[in-house]
N, C-alpha and C. Protein backbone atom coordinates (compact mmCIF):
# COMPACT_ATOMS: atom_id res chain seq x y z
N MET A 1 132.97 144.58 95.70
CA MET A 1 134.13 143.91 95.78
C MET A 1 133.61 142.81 94.58
N THR A 2 132.60 142.18 95.04
CA THR A 2 132.78 140.57 93.82
C THR A 2 132.70 140.81 92.30
N SER A 3 131.87 142.17 92.34
CA SER A 3 131.48 142.79 90.87
C SER A 3 132.88 143.39 90.48
N ILE A 4 133.49 143.50 91.18
CA ILE A 4 135.06 144.48 91.02
C ILE A 4 135.85 143.18 90.40
N ILE A 5 135.51 142.28 91.06
CA ILE A 5 136.84 140.91 90.78
C ILE A 5 136.50 140.41 89.79
N ARG A 6 134.51 140.01 89.15
CA ARG A 6 134.37 139.38 88.01
C ARG A 6 134.46 140.40 87.29
N ALA A 7 134.82 141.88 87.04
CA ALA A 7 134.61 142.64 85.65
C ALA A 7 135.55 142.35 84.62
N VAL A 8 137.11 141.66 85.37
CA VAL A 8 137.94 141.21 84.13
C VAL A 8 137.67 140.43 83.50
N PRO A 9 137.20 139.11 84.27
CA PRO A 9 136.89 138.09 83.45
C PRO A 9 135.61 138.08 82.65
N GLU A 10 134.86 138.85 82.69
CA GLU A 10 133.49 139.36 81.91
C GLU A 10 134.00 139.94 80.88
N MET A 11 135.08 140.87 81.04
CA MET A 11 135.98 141.49 79.73
C MET A 11 136.46 140.39 78.93
N ALA A 12 137.18 139.64 79.04
CA ALA A 12 137.67 138.70 78.93
C ALA A 12 136.94 138.02 78.18
N LEU A 13 135.54 137.65 78.70
CA LEU A 13 134.54 136.70 78.14
C LEU A 13 134.02 137.22 76.69
N HIS A 14 133.80 138.65 77.06
CA HIS A 14 133.48 139.56 75.52
C HIS A 14 134.34 139.86 74.43
N GLY A 15 135.56 139.72 75.15
CA GLY A 15 136.62 140.03 74.24
C GLY A 15 137.09 138.88 73.43
N ILE A 16 137.06 137.88 73.65
CA ILE A 16 136.76 136.72 73.09
C ILE A 16 135.74 136.48 71.86
N ARG A 17 134.54 136.78 72.50
CA ARG A 17 132.89 136.55 71.28
C ARG A 17 133.65 137.77 70.24
N GLN A 18 134.05 139.06 70.93
CA GLN A 18 134.34 140.43 69.91
C GLN A 18 135.10 139.18 68.69
N LEU A 19 136.44 138.63 68.98
CA LEU A 19 137.14 138.40 68.57
C LEU A 19 136.72 137.46 67.34
N ILE A 20 136.11 136.06 68.10
CA ILE A 20 135.55 135.07 66.97
C ILE A 20 134.84 135.94 65.76
N THR A 21 133.79 136.99 66.46
CA THR A 21 133.04 137.23 65.13
C THR A 21 133.77 138.28 64.48
N GLU A 22 134.59 138.99 64.99
CA GLU A 22 135.41 139.90 63.88
C GLU A 22 136.88 139.68 63.07
N ARG A 23 137.15 138.71 63.47
CA ARG A 23 137.90 137.57 62.74
C ARG A 23 137.38 136.49 62.05
N GLY A 24 136.01 135.88 61.97
CA GLY A 24 135.15 135.45 61.05
C GLY A 24 135.71 133.85 61.37
N TYR A 25 135.81 133.60 62.55
CA TYR A 25 136.23 132.08 63.12
C TYR A 25 135.45 131.49 63.04
N GLY A 26 135.50 130.41 62.52
CA GLY A 26 133.98 129.35 62.32
C GLY A 26 134.12 128.27 63.63
N ALA A 27 133.44 127.32 63.27
CA ALA A 27 133.49 125.70 63.97
C ALA A 27 134.71 125.36 63.73
N GLY A 28 135.72 124.65 64.36
CA GLY A 28 136.82 123.83 64.53
C GLY A 28 137.90 125.10 64.08
N ASP A 29 137.93 126.23 64.11
CA ASP A 29 138.99 126.81 64.09
C ASP A 29 139.61 126.84 65.34
N VAL A 30 140.77 127.07 65.15
CA VAL A 30 141.37 127.48 66.56
C VAL A 30 142.06 128.85 67.15
N LEU A 31 142.03 129.20 68.11
CA LEU A 31 142.09 130.57 68.28
C LEU A 31 143.65 130.75 68.75
N PRO A 32 144.08 131.94 68.58
CA PRO A 32 145.45 131.95 69.02
C PRO A 32 145.53 131.25 70.78
N SER A 33 146.85 131.13 70.92
CA SER A 33 147.36 130.75 72.33
C SER A 33 146.84 131.73 73.29
N GLN A 34 146.25 130.45 74.53
CA GLN A 34 146.40 131.71 75.97
C GLN A 34 147.22 132.39 76.13
N ARG A 35 148.35 132.46 76.07
CA ARG A 35 149.32 133.54 76.27
C ARG A 35 148.65 135.03 75.64
N ASP A 36 148.95 134.37 73.90
CA ASP A 36 148.86 135.53 73.12
C ASP A 36 147.15 136.12 73.44
N LEU A 37 146.24 135.35 73.62
CA LEU A 37 145.08 135.72 74.02
C LEU A 37 145.29 137.13 75.21
N ALA A 38 145.62 136.85 76.15
CA ALA A 38 145.42 137.28 77.58
C ALA A 38 146.04 138.54 76.97
N GLU A 39 147.30 138.40 76.00
CA GLU A 39 148.20 139.60 75.66
C GLU A 39 147.27 140.66 75.41
N LEU A 40 146.52 139.94 74.15
CA LEU A 40 145.58 140.98 73.12
C LEU A 40 144.84 141.58 73.50
N LEU A 41 143.92 140.94 74.81
CA LEU A 41 142.77 141.71 75.51
C LEU A 41 143.43 142.25 76.70
N GLY A 42 144.13 141.98 76.96
CA GLY A 42 145.12 142.73 78.23
C GLY A 42 144.60 142.54 79.77
N VAL A 43 144.32 140.79 79.71
CA VAL A 43 144.03 140.55 81.01
C VAL A 43 145.17 139.40 81.41
N SER A 44 144.90 138.90 82.75
CA SER A 44 145.68 138.13 83.36
C SER A 44 144.88 136.98 82.95
N ARG A 45 146.38 135.70 82.66
CA ARG A 45 146.21 134.32 82.11
C ARG A 45 144.45 133.83 83.40
N ALA A 46 144.84 134.11 84.44
CA ALA A 46 143.51 133.55 85.17
C ALA A 46 142.37 134.30 85.25
N SER A 47 142.34 135.29 84.60
CA SER A 47 140.73 136.16 83.98
C SER A 47 140.81 135.03 82.83
N LEU A 48 141.43 135.11 82.20
CA LEU A 48 141.49 134.50 80.66
C LEU A 48 141.40 133.21 80.75
N ARG A 49 141.70 132.02 81.85
CA ARG A 49 140.89 130.97 82.10
C ARG A 49 139.43 130.81 82.42
N GLU A 50 139.48 131.63 83.34
CA GLU A 50 137.77 131.73 83.84
C GLU A 50 136.79 132.30 82.88
N ALA A 51 137.52 133.06 81.64
CA ALA A 51 136.03 133.17 80.95
C ALA A 51 136.04 132.19 79.63
N LEU A 52 137.45 131.65 79.04
CA LEU A 52 137.50 130.23 78.51
C LEU A 52 136.64 129.03 79.32
N SER A 53 136.38 129.13 80.62
CA SER A 53 135.80 128.03 81.30
C SER A 53 134.52 128.58 81.09
N THR A 54 133.68 129.72 81.12
CA THR A 54 132.68 129.73 81.35
C THR A 54 131.79 129.56 79.61
N LEU A 55 132.55 130.11 78.44
CA LEU A 55 132.76 129.57 76.91
C LEU A 55 132.39 128.57 77.24
N SER A 56 133.56 127.31 77.22
CA SER A 56 133.28 126.35 77.66
C SER A 56 132.04 125.49 77.78
N ALA A 57 132.06 126.00 79.08
CA ALA A 57 130.37 125.28 79.86
C ALA A 57 129.20 125.64 78.79
N LEU A 58 129.44 126.50 78.02
CA LEU A 58 127.89 127.38 77.22
C LEU A 58 128.62 126.64 75.72
N GLY A 59 129.56 126.20 75.12
CA GLY A 59 129.57 124.98 73.80
C GLY A 59 130.08 126.03 73.01
N VAL A 60 130.39 127.21 73.31
CA VAL A 60 131.14 128.36 72.67
C VAL A 60 132.77 127.75 72.08
N VAL A 61 133.30 127.53 73.05
CA VAL A 61 134.51 126.93 72.43
C VAL A 61 135.29 125.82 73.23
N SER A 62 135.76 124.67 72.80
CA SER A 62 136.37 123.38 73.39
C SER A 62 137.86 123.97 73.84
N VAL A 63 138.31 123.48 74.80
CA VAL A 63 139.35 124.12 75.27
C VAL A 63 140.42 122.59 75.58
N GLN A 64 141.08 122.44 74.56
CA GLN A 64 141.83 120.99 74.73
C GLN A 64 143.06 121.51 75.04
N PRO A 65 143.88 120.62 76.23
CA PRO A 65 145.28 120.67 76.83
C PRO A 65 145.90 120.02 76.17
N GLY A 66 147.05 120.84 75.76
CA GLY A 66 148.24 120.65 74.65
C GLY A 66 147.93 120.79 73.27
N LYS A 67 146.60 121.39 72.66
CA LYS A 67 146.17 121.37 71.78
C LYS A 67 145.95 122.93 71.23
N GLY A 68 144.97 123.50 71.97
CA GLY A 68 144.61 125.14 71.83
C GLY A 68 143.22 125.07 72.23
N VAL A 69 142.63 126.28 71.61
CA VAL A 69 141.31 126.58 72.11
C VAL A 69 140.78 126.63 70.62
N PHE A 70 139.50 125.59 70.56
CA PHE A 70 138.57 125.61 69.31
C PHE A 70 137.21 126.42 69.49
N VAL A 71 136.97 126.67 68.29
CA VAL A 71 135.80 127.30 68.22
C VAL A 71 134.86 126.23 68.07
N GLN A 72 133.27 126.44 68.66
CA GLN A 72 132.48 125.21 68.63
C GLN A 72 131.45 125.35 67.93
N ALA A 73 131.05 127.09 68.20
CA ALA A 73 129.98 127.66 67.66
C ALA A 73 130.04 129.15 67.30
N SER A 74 129.05 129.67 66.58
CA SER A 74 129.66 131.13 65.76
C SER A 74 128.99 132.03 67.46
N SER A 75 129.78 132.77 67.62
CA SER A 75 129.22 133.62 68.52
C SER A 75 128.34 134.97 68.04
N ASP A 76 128.13 135.39 67.13
CA ASP A 76 126.89 136.43 66.46
C ASP A 76 125.77 135.49 65.97
N SER A 77 125.41 134.36 65.92
CA SER A 77 124.50 134.33 66.06
C SER A 77 123.83 133.15 66.60
N PRO A 78 122.32 132.59 66.40
CA PRO A 78 121.53 131.50 67.41
C PRO A 78 122.08 130.47 67.59
N ALA A 79 122.44 130.16 68.65
CA ALA A 79 123.30 128.70 68.98
C ALA A 79 122.07 127.35 68.03
N ARG A 80 122.85 126.75 67.19
CA ARG A 80 121.57 125.77 66.87
C ARG A 80 122.35 124.10 67.25
N PRO A 81 121.47 123.49 67.38
CA PRO A 81 121.45 122.02 68.05
C PRO A 81 122.54 121.49 67.40
N SER A 82 123.25 121.77 66.09
CA SER A 82 124.10 121.15 65.12
C SER A 82 125.81 122.21 65.47
N GLY A 83 125.77 122.79 66.15
CA GLY A 83 126.82 123.80 66.51
C GLY A 83 127.34 124.00 67.94
N LEU A 84 126.84 122.94 68.54
CA LEU A 84 126.44 123.13 70.12
C LEU A 84 127.04 121.51 70.34
N VAL A 85 127.80 121.61 71.46
CA VAL A 85 127.86 120.50 72.24
C VAL A 85 127.23 119.88 73.05
N TRP A 86 126.13 118.46 72.53
CA TRP A 86 125.44 117.77 73.75
C TRP A 86 125.67 116.83 73.90
N PRO A 87 126.12 116.38 74.80
CA PRO A 87 126.63 115.35 75.43
C PRO A 87 125.57 114.22 75.66
N PHE A 88 124.71 114.54 75.58
CA PHE A 88 123.37 113.75 76.00
C PHE A 88 122.51 113.46 74.83
N ALA A 89 123.52 113.36 73.34
CA ALA A 89 122.61 113.14 72.44
C ALA A 89 122.17 111.29 71.64
N ALA A 90 122.98 110.75 72.84
CA ALA A 90 122.30 109.24 72.92
C ALA A 90 121.32 108.92 73.32
N GLN A 91 120.84 109.48 74.45
CA GLN A 91 119.64 109.88 75.42
C GLN A 91 118.41 110.43 74.82
N ALA A 92 118.68 111.58 74.26
CA ALA A 92 117.59 111.98 73.82
C ALA A 92 118.54 113.49 72.90
N THR A 93 117.89 113.93 72.08
CA THR A 93 117.83 115.77 71.60
C THR A 93 117.63 116.36 72.64
N ALA A 94 118.42 117.83 72.49
CA ALA A 94 117.93 119.11 73.04
C ALA A 94 116.67 119.88 72.91
N ALA A 95 116.23 119.57 71.76
CA ALA A 95 114.76 119.93 71.41
C ALA A 95 113.70 118.53 72.44
N ASP A 96 114.17 117.33 72.69
CA ASP A 96 113.58 116.84 73.26
C ASP A 96 113.35 117.02 74.70
N ILE A 97 114.53 117.68 75.26
CA ILE A 97 114.14 118.25 76.67
C ILE A 97 113.32 119.05 76.74
N PHE A 98 114.04 119.94 75.80
CA PHE A 98 112.91 121.57 75.87
C PHE A 98 111.50 121.00 75.76
N GLN A 99 111.12 119.93 74.90
CA GLN A 99 109.97 119.39 75.15
C GLN A 99 109.08 119.21 76.15
N LEU A 100 110.21 118.15 76.78
CA LEU A 100 109.76 117.41 78.24
C LEU A 100 109.49 118.59 79.23
N ARG A 101 110.44 119.55 79.19
CA ARG A 101 110.58 120.23 80.18
C ARG A 101 109.16 121.34 80.04
N TYR A 102 108.77 121.64 79.09
CA TYR A 102 108.07 122.23 78.49
C TYR A 102 106.36 121.98 79.53
N ALA A 103 106.18 120.61 79.08
CA ALA A 103 105.10 119.59 79.87
C ALA A 103 105.08 119.73 81.03
N LEU A 104 106.18 119.05 81.36
CA LEU A 104 106.62 118.73 82.93
C LEU A 104 106.18 120.07 83.93
N GLU A 105 106.99 120.76 83.65
CA GLU A 105 107.48 121.78 84.48
C GLU A 105 106.25 122.72 84.53
N GLY A 106 105.27 123.17 82.91
CA GLY A 106 104.53 123.99 82.95
C GLY A 106 103.48 122.78 84.05
N PHE A 107 103.05 122.46 84.16
CA PHE A 107 102.02 121.81 84.96
C PHE A 107 102.31 121.56 86.47
N ALA A 108 103.91 121.47 86.46
CA ALA A 108 104.44 121.80 87.93
C ALA A 108 104.42 122.99 88.32
N ALA A 109 104.82 123.62 87.50
CA ALA A 109 103.84 125.64 87.75
C ALA A 109 102.83 125.70 88.76
N GLY A 110 102.02 124.83 87.70
CA GLY A 110 100.28 124.94 87.87
C GLY A 110 100.29 124.51 89.41
N LEU A 111 100.76 123.60 89.65
CA LEU A 111 100.39 122.83 91.20
C LEU A 111 100.81 123.47 92.15
N ALA A 112 101.91 124.14 91.51
CA ALA A 112 102.88 125.03 92.84
C ALA A 112 102.36 126.39 93.07
N ALA A 113 101.41 126.70 92.38
CA ALA A 113 101.17 128.13 92.83
C ALA A 113 100.06 127.88 93.69
N LEU A 114 99.14 126.93 93.56
CA LEU A 114 98.47 126.39 94.93
C LEU A 114 98.26 125.75 96.04
N THR A 115 99.62 125.95 96.28
CA THR A 115 100.58 124.93 97.73
C THR A 115 101.62 125.75 97.88
N LEU A 116 102.41 126.65 97.15
CA LEU A 116 103.36 127.13 97.58
C LEU A 116 103.15 128.01 98.84
N THR A 117 104.45 127.75 99.82
CA THR A 117 104.11 128.34 100.96
C THR A 117 104.96 129.83 101.14
N ALA A 118 104.87 130.59 102.14
CA ALA A 118 105.67 131.72 102.12
C ALA A 118 107.31 131.56 102.11
N ASP A 119 107.19 130.56 103.04
CA ASP A 119 108.90 130.82 102.46
C ASP A 119 109.72 130.16 101.17
N ALA A 120 108.60 129.17 100.85
CA ALA A 120 108.74 128.87 98.98
C ALA A 120 108.79 130.01 98.18
N MET A 121 108.09 130.79 98.58
CA MET A 121 107.94 131.80 97.88
C MET A 121 108.95 132.58 97.72
N ASP A 122 109.68 133.11 99.33
CA ASP A 122 110.91 133.67 99.48
C ASP A 122 112.01 133.47 98.77
N ALA A 123 112.11 131.92 99.02
CA ALA A 123 113.28 131.34 98.43
C ALA A 123 113.90 131.87 97.00
N LEU A 124 112.11 131.58 96.28
CA LEU A 124 112.63 131.87 94.84
C LEU A 124 113.10 133.50 94.48
N GLN A 125 112.19 134.44 95.19
CA GLN A 125 112.74 135.47 94.78
C GLN A 125 114.04 135.76 95.52
N ASP A 126 114.45 135.31 96.75
CA ASP A 126 116.09 135.37 96.96
C ASP A 126 117.10 134.89 95.36
N ASN A 127 116.03 133.59 94.97
CA ASN A 127 117.04 133.08 93.82
C ASN A 127 117.23 133.84 92.57
N VAL A 128 115.97 134.36 92.40
CA VAL A 128 115.95 135.60 90.97
C VAL A 128 116.78 136.63 90.94
N GLU A 129 116.75 137.49 92.30
CA GLU A 129 117.70 138.62 92.60
C GLU A 129 119.42 137.79 92.39
N ALA A 130 120.01 136.76 93.45
CA ALA A 130 120.47 136.27 93.10
C ALA A 130 121.31 136.15 91.29
N MET A 131 120.02 135.64 90.58
CA MET A 131 120.57 135.20 89.14
C MET A 131 120.80 137.08 88.42
N ARG A 132 119.98 137.58 89.11
CA ARG A 132 120.34 138.90 88.57
C ARG A 132 121.77 139.77 88.94
N GLN A 133 122.38 139.47 89.75
CA GLN A 133 123.13 140.07 90.54
C GLN A 133 124.55 138.97 89.41
N GLU A 134 124.29 137.70 89.15
CA GLU A 134 125.44 136.47 88.39
C GLU A 134 125.34 137.05 86.85
N LEU A 135 124.34 137.59 86.55
CA LEU A 135 123.89 138.09 85.11
C LEU A 135 125.15 139.58 84.88
N ARG A 136 124.69 140.04 85.75
CA ARG A 136 125.48 141.26 85.70
C ARG A 136 126.69 141.59 85.62
N ALA A 137 127.28 140.04 86.69
CA ALA A 137 128.75 140.42 86.80
C ALA A 137 129.41 139.36 85.72
N GLY A 138 128.73 139.00 84.81
CA GLY A 138 128.98 137.81 83.53
C GLY A 138 129.16 136.50 83.69
N ASP A 139 128.65 136.04 85.07
CA ASP A 139 129.18 134.89 85.48
C ASP A 139 127.85 134.06 84.82
N PHE A 140 128.17 133.20 83.53
CA PHE A 140 126.48 132.71 83.05
C PHE A 140 126.42 131.41 83.45
N GLU A 141 127.58 130.49 83.95
CA GLU A 141 127.89 129.42 84.54
C GLU A 141 126.90 129.49 85.63
N ALA A 142 127.34 130.49 86.21
CA ALA A 142 126.60 130.33 88.35
C ALA A 142 125.09 130.93 87.87
N ALA A 143 125.00 131.60 86.56
CA ALA A 143 123.61 131.91 86.35
C ALA A 143 122.51 130.31 85.84
N ALA A 144 123.55 129.51 85.29
CA ALA A 144 122.84 128.56 84.99
C ALA A 144 122.19 127.78 86.17
N ARG A 145 123.39 127.65 87.11
CA ARG A 145 122.85 127.03 88.53
C ARG A 145 121.72 127.31 88.82
N LEU A 146 121.58 128.62 89.29
CA LEU A 146 120.62 129.01 89.84
C LEU A 146 119.43 129.15 88.89
N ASP A 147 119.26 128.52 87.68
CA ASP A 147 118.10 128.51 86.63
C ASP A 147 117.77 127.27 87.18
N PHE A 148 118.43 126.28 87.70
CA PHE A 148 118.32 124.90 87.64
C PHE A 148 117.15 125.07 88.77
N ASP A 149 117.99 125.49 89.67
CA ASP A 149 117.43 125.85 91.10
C ASP A 149 116.23 126.12 91.16
N PHE A 150 116.18 127.27 90.76
CA PHE A 150 114.74 127.90 90.79
C PHE A 150 113.47 126.79 90.14
N HIS A 151 113.98 126.25 88.87
CA HIS A 151 112.64 124.89 88.55
C HIS A 151 113.13 124.29 89.29
N ARG A 152 114.16 123.56 89.88
CA ARG A 152 113.74 122.74 91.05
C ARG A 152 112.86 122.77 92.36
N HIS A 153 112.84 124.13 92.87
CA HIS A 153 112.62 124.35 93.63
C HIS A 153 110.89 124.54 93.35
N ILE A 154 110.51 124.67 91.87
CA ILE A 154 109.27 124.89 91.78
C ILE A 154 108.74 123.20 91.90
N LEU A 155 108.88 122.62 90.94
CA LEU A 155 108.85 120.97 91.04
C LEU A 155 108.77 120.46 92.30
N LEU A 156 110.12 120.57 93.32
CA LEU A 156 109.59 119.94 94.83
C LEU A 156 108.14 120.86 95.45
N ALA A 157 107.79 122.01 95.16
CA ALA A 157 107.03 123.29 95.49
C ALA A 157 105.48 122.47 95.02
N SER A 158 105.89 121.43 93.86
CA SER A 158 104.79 121.13 93.27
C SER A 158 104.05 120.24 94.56
N GLY A 159 104.85 119.34 95.04
CA GLY A 159 104.59 118.29 95.93
C GLY A 159 104.37 117.28 94.69
N ASN A 160 104.70 116.88 93.81
CA ASN A 160 104.31 115.37 92.64
C ASN A 160 105.70 114.93 92.90
N GLN A 161 105.89 113.99 93.61
CA GLN A 161 107.09 113.35 93.79
C GLN A 161 107.66 112.29 92.83
N ALA A 162 106.73 112.04 91.93
CA ALA A 162 107.25 111.82 90.69
C ALA A 162 107.83 112.45 89.62
N MET A 163 107.40 113.70 89.90
CA MET A 163 108.07 114.41 88.91
C MET A 163 109.71 115.17 89.34
N ALA A 164 109.43 114.87 90.80
CA ALA A 164 110.93 115.56 91.62
C ALA A 164 111.28 114.13 91.32
N SER A 165 111.33 113.23 90.94
CA SER A 165 112.16 112.05 90.83
C SER A 165 112.82 112.05 89.36
N ILE A 166 111.94 112.93 88.47
CA ILE A 166 112.34 112.61 87.44
C ILE A 166 113.52 113.44 86.64
N LEU A 167 113.09 114.61 87.95
CA LEU A 167 114.34 115.85 87.64
C LEU A 167 115.70 115.36 88.58
N HIS A 168 115.53 114.58 89.50
CA HIS A 168 116.93 114.16 90.13
C HIS A 168 117.23 113.06 89.63
N SER A 169 116.65 112.31 88.79
CA SER A 169 117.45 110.95 87.83
C SER A 169 118.32 111.60 86.66
N SER A 170 117.51 112.78 86.23
CA SER A 170 118.17 113.19 85.28
C SER A 170 118.35 114.93 85.20
N ALA A 171 119.02 114.90 86.48
CA ALA A 171 119.75 116.58 86.75
C ALA A 171 120.48 116.89 85.84
N ASP A 172 121.95 116.29 85.68
CA ASP A 172 122.80 116.48 84.07
C ASP A 172 122.22 117.00 83.05
N ILE A 173 121.18 116.25 82.78
CA ILE A 173 120.70 116.82 81.62
C ILE A 173 119.81 118.19 81.14
N PHE A 174 118.75 118.08 82.52
CA PHE A 174 118.48 119.49 82.41
C PHE A 174 119.22 120.43 82.59
N LEU A 175 120.14 120.12 83.64
CA LEU A 175 121.06 121.52 83.88
C LEU A 175 122.07 122.01 82.66
N GLU A 176 121.98 120.61 81.58
CA GLU A 176 122.99 120.98 80.48
C GLU A 176 121.89 121.84 79.51
N SER A 177 120.49 121.79 79.70
CA SER A 177 119.79 122.46 79.11
C SER A 177 119.58 123.64 79.52
N GLN A 178 119.89 124.35 80.50
CA GLN A 178 119.77 125.55 81.09
C GLN A 178 120.96 126.19 80.34
N LYS A 179 122.15 125.41 80.61
CA LYS A 179 123.17 126.41 79.96
C LYS A 179 123.02 126.66 78.42
N LEU A 180 122.69 126.18 77.65
CA LEU A 180 122.77 126.44 76.31
C LEU A 180 121.85 128.08 76.24
N PRO A 181 121.11 128.29 76.92
CA PRO A 181 120.14 129.74 75.94
C PRO A 181 121.38 130.81 76.61
N PHE A 182 122.65 130.58 77.57
CA PHE A 182 123.07 131.67 78.11
C PHE A 182 123.95 131.86 76.99
N ILE A 183 124.12 131.42 76.05
CA ILE A 183 125.65 131.36 74.93
C ILE A 183 125.22 133.07 74.06
N ARG A 184 124.02 133.19 74.34
CA ARG A 184 123.97 134.78 73.38
C ARG A 184 124.16 135.69 74.83
N ALA A 185 124.70 135.91 75.36
CA ALA A 185 125.45 136.41 76.53
C ALA A 185 123.97 138.01 76.25
N GLU A 186 124.16 138.68 75.13
CA GLU A 186 122.90 140.07 74.89
C GLU A 186 122.00 139.39 75.58
N ARG A 187 121.29 138.41 75.44
CA ARG A 187 120.19 138.52 75.72
C ARG A 187 119.59 137.12 77.29
N ALA A 188 120.94 136.91 77.79
CA ALA A 188 120.76 136.47 79.04
C ALA A 188 119.82 136.68 80.19
N MET A 189 119.60 138.50 79.97
CA MET A 189 118.60 138.76 80.86
C MET A 189 117.46 138.42 80.95
N GLU A 190 116.88 138.00 79.59
CA GLU A 190 115.70 137.49 79.42
C GLU A 190 115.11 136.40 80.26
N THR A 191 115.70 135.73 80.43
CA THR A 191 115.59 134.56 81.44
C THR A 191 115.22 135.10 82.82
N TRP A 192 116.23 136.29 83.54
CA TRP A 192 115.86 136.71 84.32
C TRP A 192 114.12 137.35 84.46
N HIS A 193 114.16 138.36 83.35
CA HIS A 193 112.62 138.87 82.96
C HIS A 193 111.37 137.76 82.89
N GLU A 194 111.70 136.87 82.45
CA GLU A 194 110.78 135.41 82.04
C GLU A 194 110.56 134.52 84.14
N HIS A 195 111.69 134.77 84.45
CA HIS A 195 111.47 133.93 86.31
C HIS A 195 110.71 134.85 86.97
N LYS A 196 110.77 136.46 86.61
CA LYS A 196 109.95 137.11 87.37
C LYS A 196 108.79 137.51 87.09
N ARG A 197 108.21 136.72 85.64
CA ARG A 197 106.85 136.31 85.38
C ARG A 197 105.81 135.44 85.91
N ILE A 198 107.35 133.92 85.99
CA ILE A 198 106.66 133.06 86.17
C ILE A 198 106.26 133.80 87.97
N LEU A 199 106.95 134.07 88.37
CA LEU A 199 106.80 134.71 90.10
C LEU A 199 105.42 135.45 89.66
N ARG A 200 105.18 136.27 89.28
CA ARG A 200 103.95 136.62 89.56
C ARG A 200 102.85 136.19 89.35
N GLY A 201 103.18 135.33 88.03
CA GLY A 201 102.17 133.62 87.89
C GLY A 201 102.04 133.16 89.07
N MET A 202 102.47 133.04 90.04
CA MET A 202 102.43 132.02 90.74
C MET A 202 101.44 132.48 92.12
N ALA A 203 102.43 133.84 92.42
CA ALA A 203 101.86 135.11 93.19
C ALA A 203 100.03 135.14 93.34
N ARG A 204 99.46 134.96 92.32
CA ARG A 204 97.89 134.86 91.86
C ARG A 204 97.26 133.74 92.38
N ARG A 205 98.33 132.54 92.75
CA ARG A 205 97.44 131.72 93.47
C ARG A 205 96.65 130.96 92.29
N SER A 206 96.78 131.24 91.02
CA SER A 206 95.95 130.33 90.44
C SER A 206 96.73 129.18 89.47
N ALA A 207 96.36 128.05 88.83
CA ALA A 207 97.26 127.22 87.87
C ALA A 207 97.47 127.69 86.83
N ALA A 208 96.31 128.53 86.20
CA ALA A 208 96.58 128.93 84.40
C ALA A 208 98.10 129.61 84.36
N PRO A 209 97.70 131.08 84.89
CA PRO A 209 98.74 131.97 84.95
C PRO A 209 100.39 131.36 84.74
N ALA A 210 100.46 130.94 85.91
CA ALA A 210 101.86 130.35 85.97
C ALA A 210 102.14 129.55 85.59
N GLN A 211 101.18 127.96 85.07
CA GLN A 211 101.63 127.72 84.01
C GLN A 211 102.21 128.21 82.46
N LYS A 212 101.38 129.06 82.22
CA LYS A 212 101.20 129.70 80.81
C LYS A 212 102.99 130.40 81.11
N ALA A 213 103.16 131.18 82.22
CA ALA A 213 104.27 131.81 82.36
C ALA A 213 105.17 130.82 82.44
N MET A 214 105.30 129.50 82.65
CA MET A 214 106.68 128.63 82.64
C MET A 214 106.61 127.82 81.41
N GLN A 215 105.88 127.90 80.48
CA GLN A 215 105.67 127.51 79.79
C GLN A 215 106.52 128.52 78.08
N GLU A 216 105.91 129.79 78.18
CA GLU A 216 106.17 130.97 77.52
C GLU A 216 107.94 130.92 77.78
N HIS A 217 108.49 130.79 79.01
CA HIS A 217 109.52 130.55 79.46
C HIS A 217 110.24 129.69 78.67
N VAL A 218 110.15 128.05 79.05
CA VAL A 218 111.04 127.43 78.46
C VAL A 218 110.94 127.51 76.77
N ARG A 219 109.84 128.04 76.03
CA ARG A 219 109.96 127.93 74.82
C ARG A 219 110.65 128.93 74.05
N SER A 220 110.44 129.69 75.25
CA SER A 220 111.52 131.06 74.33
C SER A 220 112.88 131.06 75.11
N ALA A 221 113.22 130.03 76.10
CA ALA A 221 114.86 129.50 76.29
C ALA A 221 115.37 128.73 74.84
N ALA A 222 113.87 127.78 74.51
CA ALA A 222 114.78 126.76 73.53
C ALA A 222 115.25 128.09 72.10
N LEU A 223 114.27 128.70 72.10
CA LEU A 223 114.21 129.76 70.97
C LEU A 223 115.67 130.43 70.73
N ARG A 224 115.99 130.60 72.03
CA ARG A 224 117.23 131.81 72.21
C ARG A 224 118.46 130.92 72.04
N THR A 225 118.42 129.35 72.00
CA THR A 225 119.27 128.49 71.55
C THR A 225 119.24 128.11 70.27
N GLY A 226 117.92 128.51 69.31
CA GLY A 226 118.25 128.07 68.32
C GLY A 226 117.20 126.74 67.82
N ILE A 227 116.13 126.43 68.92
CA ILE A 227 115.65 125.13 69.04
C ILE A 227 114.47 125.71 68.41
N ALA A 228 113.30 125.01 67.79
CA ALA A 228 111.97 125.40 67.74
C ALA A 228 111.24 123.79 67.74
N PHE A 229 110.24 123.81 68.95
CA PHE A 229 109.85 122.75 69.03
C PHE A 229 108.18 122.33 69.00
N VAL A 230 107.71 121.29 68.63
CA VAL A 230 105.95 120.99 68.38
C VAL A 230 105.25 121.07 70.33
N ALA A 231 104.15 121.87 70.32
CA ALA A 231 104.03 121.88 71.41
C ALA A 231 102.43 122.31 70.90
N PRO A 232 101.70 121.55 71.60
CA PRO A 232 100.08 121.46 71.96
C PRO A 232 99.47 123.22 72.41
């Protein structure tokens, strides 16, 4: 039943992306009114609002009450830092955060592989399956939250309280960085595949494979966003 309910908002989401691409809308352009969009796409206003909420969270559009829906980033090309709304620019760039995550979470995955309990592994496997379902339903915001929870579980499983504290105090920044790769819907399932590889690395109970899989995942997620960062 859930997948049926979400099919219409997902259709609206892809319809809006296609509209932006086919009509050549650029950053700053205003889309048709929500009433016109709903009629054009053949969906209800409620389904349209859900699709716009997801696209807003991903930085594709900006919904401004009383003014309209404005394009923020091109839908048919990789998102660039300059084309995205990054609300933490005063604290750190998106590239800085991916670089931090590369170092921090790679090391945490290596530690967790050595200490992970059976219950913790089961929780991670449940998370990966839930993400697959959300991605298939087109709920990218829910997928991003599951992405955040996946990485949080691994940081906690590492047993390093200092790293867990960094995550806790910077949760909003970490979550925002995990929304960015989902702006490219056609590549969203790559995150799920990479999480599965991380689990396989951790299941070997060896630090090196788990660390490598995590670092490759963070680097790939950044590249899907259009961000390349320097790493040793």
